[in-house]
C-alpha cells in the first residue's frame, strides 16, 4: 500500500526516459526479423511496435519498474540492471532463453533499456553469440550496421567476452527472472 503513492512518480520517470528515445537515432531498431533493440518506448511508440508485431518485451531498466503501458504485451521479462553496468551471467542466460523461446515461431520481441545503447545491445549480442557462434567483434559490427548508436560500455564488453568464452548452450537454459503478467 505504501508504494501505491509513488506510481505517478515512477510513471513520470519512465516517461521522461522514453522522451529521449524519440530522436531518429534512438528509436527502436529491428536488428533482425522480429527482434527489436531500443530504449524505453513512449505509449505511442509502443503502439507502433505492437502494429509491427511486437508483443514480447525484455526490459533491462534498473532505474524504475517497466512502463505501465507495456502491460498490454503478451509477456514482459524484467531483468533490472543499472545504467552502464553489464547484466549478470544469470541475467544473460535468462534473457537469452526468453529471446530464443520467442524466436521459435513466436511474436516479435523488443529488448529495451534506458536508451537502447548499452544494456539492451549487450543482451542482444549475448544471444547472437550463443545462437550463431559468431565472434563478439563481428556481432558488434553487424549490430552497429543496423543500430549505429549501439555502444556497450567497457564493463559490458568484458562481460560479453566472458560470455563468449563460456559459450553457453541455450538448449539447457530455462526461462526464469521476473515474468510480469
N, C-alpha and C. Protein backbone atom coordinates (compact mmCIF):
# COMPACT_ATOMS: atom_id res chain seq x y z
N UNK A 1 0.81 -1.19 0.00
CA UNK A 1 0.00 0.00 0.00
C UNK A 1 0.86 1.26 0.00
N UNK A 2 1.96 1.24 0.72
CA UNK A 2 2.83 2.41 0.82
C UNK A 2 3.34 2.85 -0.55
N UNK A 3 3.72 1.90 -1.40
CA UNK A 3 4.30 2.25 -2.69
C UNK A 3 3.28 2.75 -3.71
N UNK A 4 1.99 2.52 -3.46
CA UNK A 4 0.99 2.97 -4.42
C UNK A 4 1.07 4.46 -4.67
N UNK A 5 1.42 5.23 -3.64
CA UNK A 5 1.54 6.68 -3.79
C UNK A 5 2.67 7.09 -4.72
N UNK A 6 3.59 6.20 -5.00
CA UNK A 6 4.73 6.53 -5.85
C UNK A 6 4.50 6.16 -7.32
N UNK A 7 3.37 5.57 -7.64
CA UNK A 7 3.10 5.16 -9.01
C UNK A 7 3.22 6.33 -10.00
N UNK A 8 2.62 7.50 -9.71
CA UNK A 8 2.78 8.61 -10.68
C UNK A 8 4.23 9.04 -10.85
N UNK A 9 5.00 9.04 -9.78
CA UNK A 9 6.41 9.42 -9.87
C UNK A 9 7.18 8.41 -10.73
N UNK A 10 6.93 7.13 -10.50
CA UNK A 10 7.59 6.09 -11.29
C UNK A 10 7.22 6.23 -12.76
N UNK A 11 5.94 6.45 -13.03
CA UNK A 11 5.49 6.59 -14.41
C UNK A 11 6.12 7.82 -15.05
N UNK A 12 6.23 8.92 -14.31
CA UNK A 12 6.86 10.12 -14.85
C UNK A 12 8.31 9.84 -15.21
N UNK A 13 9.03 9.14 -14.35
CA UNK A 13 10.45 8.84 -14.59
C UNK A 13 10.62 8.01 -15.86
N UNK A 14 9.79 6.99 -16.01
CA UNK A 14 9.87 6.13 -17.20
C UNK A 14 9.48 6.93 -18.44
N UNK A 15 8.45 7.77 -18.32
CA UNK A 15 8.03 8.60 -19.44
C UNK A 15 9.16 9.55 -19.85
N UNK A 16 9.83 10.14 -18.85
CA UNK A 16 10.94 11.06 -19.11
C UNK A 16 12.06 10.34 -19.86
N UNK A 17 12.39 9.11 -19.44
CA UNK A 17 13.41 8.33 -20.14
C UNK A 17 12.99 8.07 -21.59
N UNK A 18 11.71 7.73 -21.77
CA UNK A 18 11.19 7.44 -23.10
C UNK A 18 11.23 8.63 -24.05
N UNK A 19 11.03 9.82 -23.51
CA UNK A 19 11.06 11.03 -24.36
C UNK A 19 12.39 11.17 -25.09
N UNK A 20 13.47 10.81 -24.43
CA UNK A 20 14.78 10.90 -25.07
C UNK A 20 14.96 9.92 -26.20
N UNK A 21 14.10 8.93 -26.27
CA UNK A 21 14.22 7.88 -27.29
C UNK A 21 13.40 8.17 -28.54
N UNK A 22 12.86 9.37 -28.65
CA UNK A 22 12.06 9.72 -29.82
C UNK A 22 12.90 10.31 -30.95
N UNK A 23 14.16 10.62 -30.69
CA UNK A 23 15.01 11.11 -31.79
C UNK A 23 15.24 9.95 -32.76
N UNK A 24 15.42 10.25 -34.04
CA UNK A 24 15.55 9.17 -35.03
C UNK A 24 16.62 8.13 -34.70
N UNK A 25 17.76 8.55 -34.16
CA UNK A 25 18.82 7.59 -33.85
C UNK A 25 18.46 6.65 -32.71
N UNK A 26 17.62 7.11 -31.79
CA UNK A 26 17.34 6.31 -30.60
C UNK A 26 16.02 5.55 -30.65
N UNK A 27 15.26 5.70 -31.73
CA UNK A 27 14.02 4.93 -31.84
C UNK A 27 14.38 3.45 -31.95
N UNK A 28 13.48 2.56 -31.50
CA UNK A 28 13.77 1.13 -31.60
C UNK A 28 14.09 0.71 -33.04
N UNK A 29 15.02 -0.22 -33.15
CA UNK A 29 15.51 -0.69 -34.44
C UNK A 29 15.25 -2.18 -34.56
N UNK A 30 14.71 -2.61 -35.70
CA UNK A 30 14.57 -4.04 -35.95
C UNK A 30 15.94 -4.54 -36.44
N UNK A 31 16.67 -5.21 -35.55
CA UNK A 31 18.03 -5.64 -35.86
C UNK A 31 18.05 -6.98 -36.59
N UNK A 32 17.02 -7.75 -36.41
CA UNK A 32 16.79 -8.99 -37.15
C UNK A 32 15.29 -9.11 -37.31
N UNK A 33 14.85 -9.94 -38.22
CA UNK A 33 13.43 -10.13 -38.41
C UNK A 33 12.77 -10.52 -37.09
N UNK A 34 11.87 -9.66 -36.60
CA UNK A 34 11.13 -9.96 -35.37
C UNK A 34 11.89 -9.69 -34.08
N UNK A 35 13.02 -9.01 -34.17
CA UNK A 35 13.82 -8.73 -32.97
C UNK A 35 14.24 -7.26 -32.99
N UNK A 36 13.76 -6.53 -32.00
CA UNK A 36 13.97 -5.09 -31.91
C UNK A 36 14.85 -4.74 -30.72
N UNK A 37 15.70 -3.72 -30.87
CA UNK A 37 16.53 -3.20 -29.78
C UNK A 37 16.25 -1.71 -29.67
N UNK A 38 16.02 -1.24 -28.44
CA UNK A 38 15.76 0.18 -28.26
C UNK A 38 15.69 0.56 -26.80
N UNK A 39 15.38 1.82 -26.58
CA UNK A 39 15.19 2.32 -25.23
C UNK A 39 13.74 2.19 -24.82
N UNK A 40 13.41 2.74 -23.67
CA UNK A 40 12.04 2.72 -23.18
C UNK A 40 11.14 3.40 -24.21
N UNK A 41 10.12 2.71 -24.71
CA UNK A 41 9.23 3.36 -25.67
C UNK A 41 8.13 4.16 -24.96
N UNK A 42 7.75 5.29 -25.54
CA UNK A 42 6.59 6.02 -25.05
C UNK A 42 5.34 5.26 -25.48
N UNK A 43 4.17 5.56 -24.91
CA UNK A 43 2.95 4.82 -25.29
C UNK A 43 2.69 4.81 -26.80
N UNK A 44 2.88 5.95 -27.46
CA UNK A 44 2.64 6.00 -28.91
C UNK A 44 3.61 5.08 -29.66
N UNK A 45 4.88 5.10 -29.27
CA UNK A 45 5.89 4.24 -29.91
C UNK A 45 5.57 2.78 -29.62
N UNK A 46 5.12 2.47 -28.40
CA UNK A 46 4.76 1.10 -28.05
C UNK A 46 3.62 0.61 -28.95
N UNK A 47 2.62 1.46 -29.21
CA UNK A 47 1.53 1.07 -30.11
C UNK A 47 2.07 0.79 -31.51
N UNK A 48 3.01 1.61 -31.98
CA UNK A 48 3.61 1.38 -33.30
C UNK A 48 4.37 0.05 -33.34
N UNK A 49 5.08 -0.25 -32.27
CA UNK A 49 5.79 -1.54 -32.20
C UNK A 49 4.80 -2.70 -32.20
N UNK A 50 3.69 -2.54 -31.49
CA UNK A 50 2.68 -3.60 -31.49
C UNK A 50 2.13 -3.81 -32.90
N UNK A 51 1.89 -2.72 -33.63
CA UNK A 51 1.41 -2.85 -35.00
C UNK A 51 2.44 -3.54 -35.89
N UNK A 52 3.71 -3.44 -35.52
CA UNK A 52 4.79 -4.12 -36.26
C UNK A 52 4.95 -5.58 -35.81
N UNK A 53 4.11 -6.03 -34.87
CA UNK A 53 4.13 -7.43 -34.44
C UNK A 53 4.83 -7.70 -33.12
N UNK A 54 5.30 -6.67 -32.43
CA UNK A 54 5.99 -6.87 -31.15
C UNK A 54 4.96 -7.10 -30.05
N UNK A 55 5.09 -8.21 -29.35
CA UNK A 55 4.21 -8.45 -28.20
C UNK A 55 4.95 -9.09 -27.03
N UNK A 56 6.25 -9.20 -27.14
CA UNK A 56 7.08 -9.68 -26.03
C UNK A 56 8.14 -8.62 -25.76
N UNK A 57 8.45 -8.42 -24.48
CA UNK A 57 9.39 -7.37 -24.10
C UNK A 57 10.35 -7.90 -23.05
N UNK A 58 11.62 -7.60 -23.25
CA UNK A 58 12.62 -7.77 -22.19
C UNK A 58 13.08 -6.36 -21.86
N UNK A 59 12.96 -5.97 -20.60
CA UNK A 59 13.45 -4.67 -20.20
C UNK A 59 14.57 -4.84 -19.18
N UNK A 60 15.66 -4.17 -19.43
CA UNK A 60 16.82 -4.22 -18.54
C UNK A 60 16.94 -2.92 -17.76
N UNK A 61 15.86 -2.20 -17.64
CA UNK A 61 15.84 -0.93 -16.94
C UNK A 61 15.99 -1.16 -15.45
N UNK A 62 17.04 -0.62 -14.87
CA UNK A 62 17.26 -0.76 -13.44
C UNK A 62 16.82 0.47 -12.67
N UNK A 63 16.54 1.55 -13.37
CA UNK A 63 16.19 2.82 -12.73
C UNK A 63 14.74 2.85 -12.25
N UNK A 64 13.89 2.04 -12.85
CA UNK A 64 12.47 2.03 -12.49
C UNK A 64 11.87 0.72 -13.00
N UNK A 65 10.69 0.41 -12.49
CA UNK A 65 9.96 -0.78 -12.96
C UNK A 65 9.54 -0.55 -14.42
N UNK A 66 9.19 -1.62 -15.13
CA UNK A 66 8.76 -1.46 -16.52
C UNK A 66 7.60 -0.47 -16.64
N UNK A 67 7.55 0.19 -17.78
CA UNK A 67 6.50 1.17 -18.05
C UNK A 67 5.13 0.51 -17.95
N UNK A 68 4.17 1.16 -17.31
CA UNK A 68 2.84 0.57 -17.15
C UNK A 68 2.17 0.23 -18.48
N UNK A 69 2.43 1.03 -19.53
CA UNK A 69 1.79 0.78 -20.81
C UNK A 69 2.30 -0.48 -21.49
N UNK A 70 3.41 -1.05 -21.01
CA UNK A 70 3.88 -2.32 -21.56
C UNK A 70 3.04 -3.50 -21.04
N UNK A 71 2.10 -3.21 -20.15
CA UNK A 71 1.22 -4.26 -19.62
C UNK A 71 0.37 -4.92 -20.69
N UNK A 72 0.24 -4.30 -21.85
CA UNK A 72 -0.53 -4.91 -22.94
C UNK A 72 0.29 -5.93 -23.72
N UNK A 73 1.55 -6.10 -23.37
CA UNK A 73 2.40 -7.10 -24.04
C UNK A 73 1.96 -8.50 -23.64
N UNK A 74 2.21 -9.45 -24.52
CA UNK A 74 1.92 -10.86 -24.22
C UNK A 74 2.72 -11.31 -23.00
N UNK A 75 3.99 -10.91 -22.95
CA UNK A 75 4.83 -11.22 -21.80
C UNK A 75 5.94 -10.18 -21.69
N UNK A 76 6.28 -9.87 -20.44
CA UNK A 76 7.34 -8.91 -20.15
C UNK A 76 8.31 -9.58 -19.18
N UNK A 77 9.57 -9.57 -19.53
CA UNK A 77 10.62 -10.08 -18.64
C UNK A 77 11.42 -8.89 -18.16
N UNK A 78 11.46 -8.71 -16.85
CA UNK A 78 12.20 -7.59 -16.28
C UNK A 78 13.47 -8.11 -15.63
N UNK A 79 14.60 -7.70 -16.18
CA UNK A 79 15.91 -8.04 -15.65
C UNK A 79 16.58 -6.71 -15.26
N UNK A 80 16.37 -6.24 -14.04
CA UNK A 80 16.87 -4.91 -13.67
C UNK A 80 18.39 -4.83 -13.62
N UNK A 81 18.93 -3.90 -14.40
CA UNK A 81 20.38 -3.65 -14.47
C UNK A 81 20.56 -2.13 -14.44
N UNK A 82 21.42 -1.65 -13.58
CA UNK A 82 21.66 -0.20 -13.51
C UNK A 82 22.41 0.27 -14.75
N UNK A 83 22.17 1.52 -15.11
CA UNK A 83 22.77 2.12 -16.29
C UNK A 83 24.29 1.97 -16.26
N UNK A 84 24.85 1.67 -17.41
CA UNK A 84 26.29 1.49 -17.63
C UNK A 84 26.87 0.22 -17.01
N UNK A 85 26.06 -0.59 -16.37
CA UNK A 85 26.52 -1.86 -15.79
C UNK A 85 26.16 -3.00 -16.75
N UNK A 86 26.89 -4.09 -16.69
CA UNK A 86 26.52 -5.25 -17.50
C UNK A 86 25.48 -6.10 -16.78
N UNK A 87 24.64 -6.79 -17.53
CA UNK A 87 23.79 -7.81 -16.89
C UNK A 87 24.69 -8.90 -16.31
N UNK A 88 24.23 -9.57 -15.28
CA UNK A 88 24.98 -10.70 -14.73
C UNK A 88 24.92 -11.86 -15.72
N UNK A 89 25.77 -12.85 -15.52
CA UNK A 89 25.75 -14.03 -16.38
C UNK A 89 24.38 -14.72 -16.29
N UNK A 90 23.81 -14.77 -15.08
CA UNK A 90 22.48 -15.37 -14.93
C UNK A 90 21.43 -14.56 -15.69
N UNK A 91 21.50 -13.23 -15.62
CA UNK A 91 20.55 -12.41 -16.36
C UNK A 91 20.71 -12.62 -17.87
N UNK A 92 21.94 -12.75 -18.33
CA UNK A 92 22.15 -13.02 -19.76
C UNK A 92 21.55 -14.37 -20.14
N UNK A 93 21.74 -15.38 -19.30
CA UNK A 93 21.18 -16.71 -19.60
C UNK A 93 19.65 -16.65 -19.67
N UNK A 94 19.05 -16.01 -18.67
CA UNK A 94 17.58 -15.91 -18.62
C UNK A 94 17.07 -15.10 -19.81
N UNK A 95 17.70 -13.98 -20.09
CA UNK A 95 17.28 -13.15 -21.21
C UNK A 95 17.42 -13.86 -22.54
N UNK A 96 18.52 -14.57 -22.73
CA UNK A 96 18.74 -15.31 -23.97
C UNK A 96 17.72 -16.44 -24.13
N UNK A 97 17.39 -17.11 -23.05
CA UNK A 97 16.38 -18.17 -23.11
C UNK A 97 15.02 -17.59 -23.50
N UNK A 98 14.68 -16.45 -22.92
CA UNK A 98 13.42 -15.78 -23.24
C UNK A 98 13.39 -15.38 -24.71
N UNK A 99 14.50 -14.81 -25.19
CA UNK A 99 14.60 -14.42 -26.59
C UNK A 99 14.47 -15.63 -27.51
N UNK A 100 15.19 -16.67 -27.17
CA UNK A 100 15.19 -17.87 -28.01
C UNK A 100 13.81 -18.50 -28.06
N UNK A 101 13.12 -18.54 -26.93
CA UNK A 101 11.77 -19.11 -26.89
C UNK A 101 10.83 -18.32 -27.80
N UNK A 102 10.98 -17.01 -27.83
CA UNK A 102 10.14 -16.18 -28.69
C UNK A 102 10.50 -16.30 -30.15
N UNK A 103 11.75 -16.57 -30.44
CA UNK A 103 12.20 -16.66 -31.83
C UNK A 103 11.70 -17.92 -32.52
N UNK A 104 11.39 -18.94 -31.78
CA UNK A 104 10.95 -20.20 -32.36
C UNK A 104 9.46 -20.14 -32.69
N UNK A 105 9.12 -19.32 -33.69
CA UNK A 105 7.75 -19.24 -34.16
C UNK A 105 6.88 -18.29 -33.36
N UNK A 106 7.46 -17.57 -32.43
CA UNK A 106 6.68 -16.66 -31.60
C UNK A 106 6.61 -15.26 -32.19
N UNK A 107 5.92 -14.37 -31.46
CA UNK A 107 5.82 -12.99 -31.92
C UNK A 107 7.14 -12.24 -31.75
N UNK A 108 7.19 -11.06 -32.32
CA UNK A 108 8.40 -10.23 -32.24
C UNK A 108 8.66 -9.79 -30.81
N UNK A 109 9.94 -9.54 -30.52
CA UNK A 109 10.38 -9.16 -29.17
C UNK A 109 11.15 -7.85 -29.22
N UNK A 110 10.90 -7.00 -28.21
CA UNK A 110 11.67 -5.77 -28.01
C UNK A 110 12.59 -5.98 -26.83
N UNK A 111 13.89 -5.72 -27.02
CA UNK A 111 14.85 -5.68 -25.92
C UNK A 111 15.07 -4.21 -25.63
N UNK A 112 14.77 -3.78 -24.41
CA UNK A 112 14.89 -2.36 -24.11
C UNK A 112 15.65 -2.11 -22.82
N UNK A 113 16.21 -0.92 -22.75
CA UNK A 113 16.84 -0.40 -21.54
C UNK A 113 16.54 1.09 -21.54
N UNK A 114 17.32 1.88 -20.85
CA UNK A 114 17.04 3.31 -20.80
C UNK A 114 17.07 3.98 -22.16
N UNK A 115 18.13 3.75 -22.93
CA UNK A 115 18.29 4.41 -24.22
C UNK A 115 18.51 3.45 -25.39
N UNK A 116 18.66 2.15 -25.11
CA UNK A 116 18.90 1.20 -26.18
C UNK A 116 20.31 1.26 -26.72
N UNK A 117 21.25 1.69 -25.88
CA UNK A 117 22.63 1.85 -26.32
C UNK A 117 23.54 0.77 -25.75
N UNK A 118 23.45 0.49 -24.45
CA UNK A 118 24.38 -0.43 -23.80
C UNK A 118 23.76 -1.73 -23.32
N UNK A 119 22.85 -1.67 -22.36
CA UNK A 119 22.32 -2.89 -21.75
C UNK A 119 21.53 -3.74 -22.74
N UNK A 120 20.64 -3.11 -23.51
CA UNK A 120 19.85 -3.86 -24.49
C UNK A 120 20.77 -4.43 -25.57
N UNK A 121 21.73 -3.65 -26.02
CA UNK A 121 22.69 -4.13 -27.02
C UNK A 121 23.50 -5.30 -26.47
N UNK A 122 23.86 -5.23 -25.19
CA UNK A 122 24.63 -6.31 -24.57
C UNK A 122 23.85 -7.61 -24.57
N UNK A 123 22.58 -7.57 -24.21
CA UNK A 123 21.77 -8.79 -24.21
C UNK A 123 21.61 -9.33 -25.62
N UNK A 124 21.34 -8.45 -26.58
CA UNK A 124 21.22 -8.91 -27.96
C UNK A 124 22.51 -9.59 -28.43
N UNK A 125 23.65 -8.98 -28.14
CA UNK A 125 24.94 -9.55 -28.56
C UNK A 125 25.18 -10.90 -27.89
N UNK A 126 24.83 -11.03 -26.62
CA UNK A 126 24.98 -12.32 -25.93
C UNK A 126 24.14 -13.39 -26.61
N UNK A 127 22.91 -13.05 -26.96
CA UNK A 127 22.03 -14.00 -27.64
C UNK A 127 22.61 -14.38 -29.01
N UNK A 128 23.08 -13.38 -29.74
CA UNK A 128 23.63 -13.65 -31.08
C UNK A 128 24.86 -14.54 -31.00
N UNK A 129 25.73 -14.28 -30.03
CA UNK A 129 26.92 -15.11 -29.85
C UNK A 129 26.51 -16.55 -29.52
N UNK A 130 25.53 -16.70 -28.63
CA UNK A 130 25.11 -18.03 -28.20
C UNK A 130 24.40 -18.80 -29.31
N UNK A 131 23.65 -18.11 -30.15
CA UNK A 131 22.87 -18.83 -31.17
C UNK A 131 23.60 -19.03 -32.49
N UNK A 132 24.54 -18.13 -32.81
CA UNK A 132 25.22 -18.24 -34.10
C UNK A 132 26.67 -18.67 -33.97
N UNK A 133 27.25 -18.51 -32.77
CA UNK A 133 28.67 -18.78 -32.59
C UNK A 133 29.55 -17.69 -33.19
N UNK A 134 28.92 -16.62 -33.62
CA UNK A 134 29.66 -15.50 -34.22
C UNK A 134 30.56 -14.85 -33.17
N UNK A 135 31.78 -14.49 -33.53
CA UNK A 135 32.66 -13.79 -32.58
C UNK A 135 32.06 -12.44 -32.17
N UNK A 136 32.36 -12.02 -30.96
CA UNK A 136 31.82 -10.78 -30.41
C UNK A 136 32.06 -9.59 -31.32
N UNK A 137 33.28 -9.40 -31.77
CA UNK A 137 33.59 -8.21 -32.56
C UNK A 137 32.79 -8.18 -33.86
N UNK A 138 32.62 -9.33 -34.50
CA UNK A 138 31.83 -9.37 -35.73
C UNK A 138 30.36 -9.13 -35.44
N UNK A 139 29.86 -9.69 -34.34
CA UNK A 139 28.46 -9.47 -33.95
C UNK A 139 28.21 -7.99 -33.68
N UNK A 140 29.17 -7.32 -33.04
CA UNK A 140 29.03 -5.90 -32.75
C UNK A 140 29.01 -5.07 -34.04
N UNK A 141 29.86 -5.41 -34.99
CA UNK A 141 29.86 -4.71 -36.28
C UNK A 141 28.51 -4.89 -36.97
N UNK A 142 27.99 -6.11 -36.94
CA UNK A 142 26.69 -6.40 -37.55
C UNK A 142 25.59 -5.59 -36.88
N UNK A 143 25.60 -5.55 -35.55
CA UNK A 143 24.59 -4.78 -34.82
C UNK A 143 24.69 -3.29 -35.16
N UNK A 144 25.89 -2.77 -35.21
CA UNK A 144 26.07 -1.34 -35.49
C UNK A 144 25.66 -0.96 -36.91
N UNK A 145 25.66 -1.91 -37.82
CA UNK A 145 25.14 -1.62 -39.17
C UNK A 145 23.65 -1.31 -39.08
N UNK A 146 22.95 -2.03 -38.21
CA UNK A 146 21.51 -1.83 -38.05
C UNK A 146 21.19 -0.72 -37.05
N UNK A 147 21.99 -0.64 -35.98
CA UNK A 147 21.76 0.33 -34.90
C UNK A 147 23.09 1.02 -34.57
N UNK A 148 23.44 2.06 -35.32
CA UNK A 148 24.75 2.71 -35.13
C UNK A 148 24.97 3.25 -33.72
N UNK A 149 23.92 3.54 -32.99
CA UNK A 149 24.04 4.10 -31.66
C UNK A 149 24.45 3.05 -30.62
N UNK A 150 24.38 1.77 -30.97
CA UNK A 150 24.75 0.70 -30.03
C UNK A 150 26.21 0.87 -29.61
N UNK A 151 26.43 0.94 -28.30
CA UNK A 151 27.77 1.20 -27.80
C UNK A 151 27.93 0.65 -26.38
N UNK A 152 28.09 -0.66 -26.24
CA UNK A 152 28.27 -1.23 -24.89
C UNK A 152 29.48 -0.61 -24.19
N UNK A 153 29.36 -0.44 -22.88
CA UNK A 153 30.46 0.11 -22.09
C UNK A 153 31.60 -0.90 -22.00
N UNK A 154 32.72 -0.44 -21.47
CA UNK A 154 33.88 -1.32 -21.29
C UNK A 154 33.50 -2.52 -20.42
N UNK A 155 32.77 -2.29 -19.33
CA UNK A 155 32.37 -3.40 -18.45
C UNK A 155 31.40 -4.34 -19.15
N UNK A 156 30.52 -3.80 -19.97
CA UNK A 156 29.59 -4.65 -20.72
C UNK A 156 30.35 -5.49 -21.74
N UNK A 157 31.36 -4.92 -22.37
CA UNK A 157 32.18 -5.67 -23.32
C UNK A 157 32.97 -6.77 -22.60
N UNK A 158 33.50 -6.48 -21.42
CA UNK A 158 34.21 -7.50 -20.64
C UNK A 158 33.27 -8.65 -20.30
N UNK A 159 32.06 -8.31 -19.93
CA UNK A 159 31.06 -9.34 -19.62
C UNK A 159 30.76 -10.19 -20.86
N UNK A 160 30.65 -9.55 -22.01
CA UNK A 160 30.40 -10.28 -23.25
C UNK A 160 31.58 -11.17 -23.63
N UNK A 161 32.79 -10.73 -23.35
CA UNK A 161 33.97 -11.58 -23.62
C UNK A 161 33.93 -12.82 -22.73
N UNK A 162 33.54 -12.63 -21.48
CA UNK A 162 33.40 -13.78 -20.58
C UNK A 162 32.30 -14.71 -21.09
N UNK A 163 31.19 -14.14 -21.51
CA UNK A 163 30.07 -14.91 -22.07
C UNK A 163 30.54 -15.71 -23.29
N UNK A 164 31.28 -15.05 -24.16
CA UNK A 164 31.79 -15.69 -25.37
C UNK A 164 32.71 -16.85 -25.02
N UNK A 165 33.55 -16.68 -24.01
CA UNK A 165 34.48 -17.74 -23.60
C UNK A 165 33.75 -18.94 -23.02
N UNK A 166 32.63 -18.70 -22.36
CA UNK A 166 31.85 -19.80 -21.76
C UNK A 166 30.99 -20.51 -22.78
N UNK A 167 30.62 -19.85 -23.86
CA UNK A 167 29.76 -20.42 -24.92
C UNK A 167 28.59 -21.23 -24.35
N UNK A 168 27.64 -20.57 -23.72
CA UNK A 168 26.52 -21.29 -23.12
C UNK A 168 25.65 -21.96 -24.18
N UNK A 169 25.06 -23.06 -23.80
CA UNK A 169 24.14 -23.80 -24.66
C UNK A 169 22.73 -23.36 -24.32
N UNK A 170 22.07 -22.67 -25.24
CA UNK A 170 20.72 -22.18 -24.95
C UNK A 170 19.72 -23.30 -24.74
N UNK A 171 20.00 -24.47 -25.25
CA UNK A 171 19.10 -25.59 -25.05
C UNK A 171 18.97 -26.00 -23.60
N UNK A 172 19.96 -25.65 -22.79
CA UNK A 172 19.93 -26.01 -21.38
C UNK A 172 19.41 -24.88 -20.49
N UNK A 173 19.05 -23.75 -21.09
CA UNK A 173 18.58 -22.62 -20.31
C UNK A 173 17.08 -22.73 -20.07
N UNK A 174 16.65 -22.15 -18.97
CA UNK A 174 15.22 -22.11 -18.69
C UNK A 174 14.80 -20.67 -18.49
N UNK A 175 13.53 -20.38 -18.77
CA UNK A 175 13.02 -19.04 -18.56
C UNK A 175 12.78 -18.83 -17.07
N UNK A 176 13.50 -17.89 -16.51
CA UNK A 176 13.32 -17.51 -15.11
C UNK A 176 13.29 -16.00 -15.07
N UNK A 177 13.62 -15.43 -13.97
CA UNK A 177 13.62 -13.98 -13.86
C UNK A 177 12.27 -13.50 -13.39
N UNK A 178 11.97 -12.27 -13.69
CA UNK A 178 10.71 -11.68 -13.25
C UNK A 178 9.78 -11.56 -14.43
N UNK A 179 9.00 -12.60 -14.67
CA UNK A 179 7.99 -12.54 -15.72
C UNK A 179 6.80 -11.80 -15.14
N UNK A 180 6.39 -10.76 -15.81
CA UNK A 180 5.28 -9.96 -15.32
C UNK A 180 4.03 -10.32 -16.10
N UNK A 181 2.88 -10.36 -15.42
CA UNK A 181 1.64 -10.72 -16.13
C UNK A 181 1.28 -9.73 -17.20
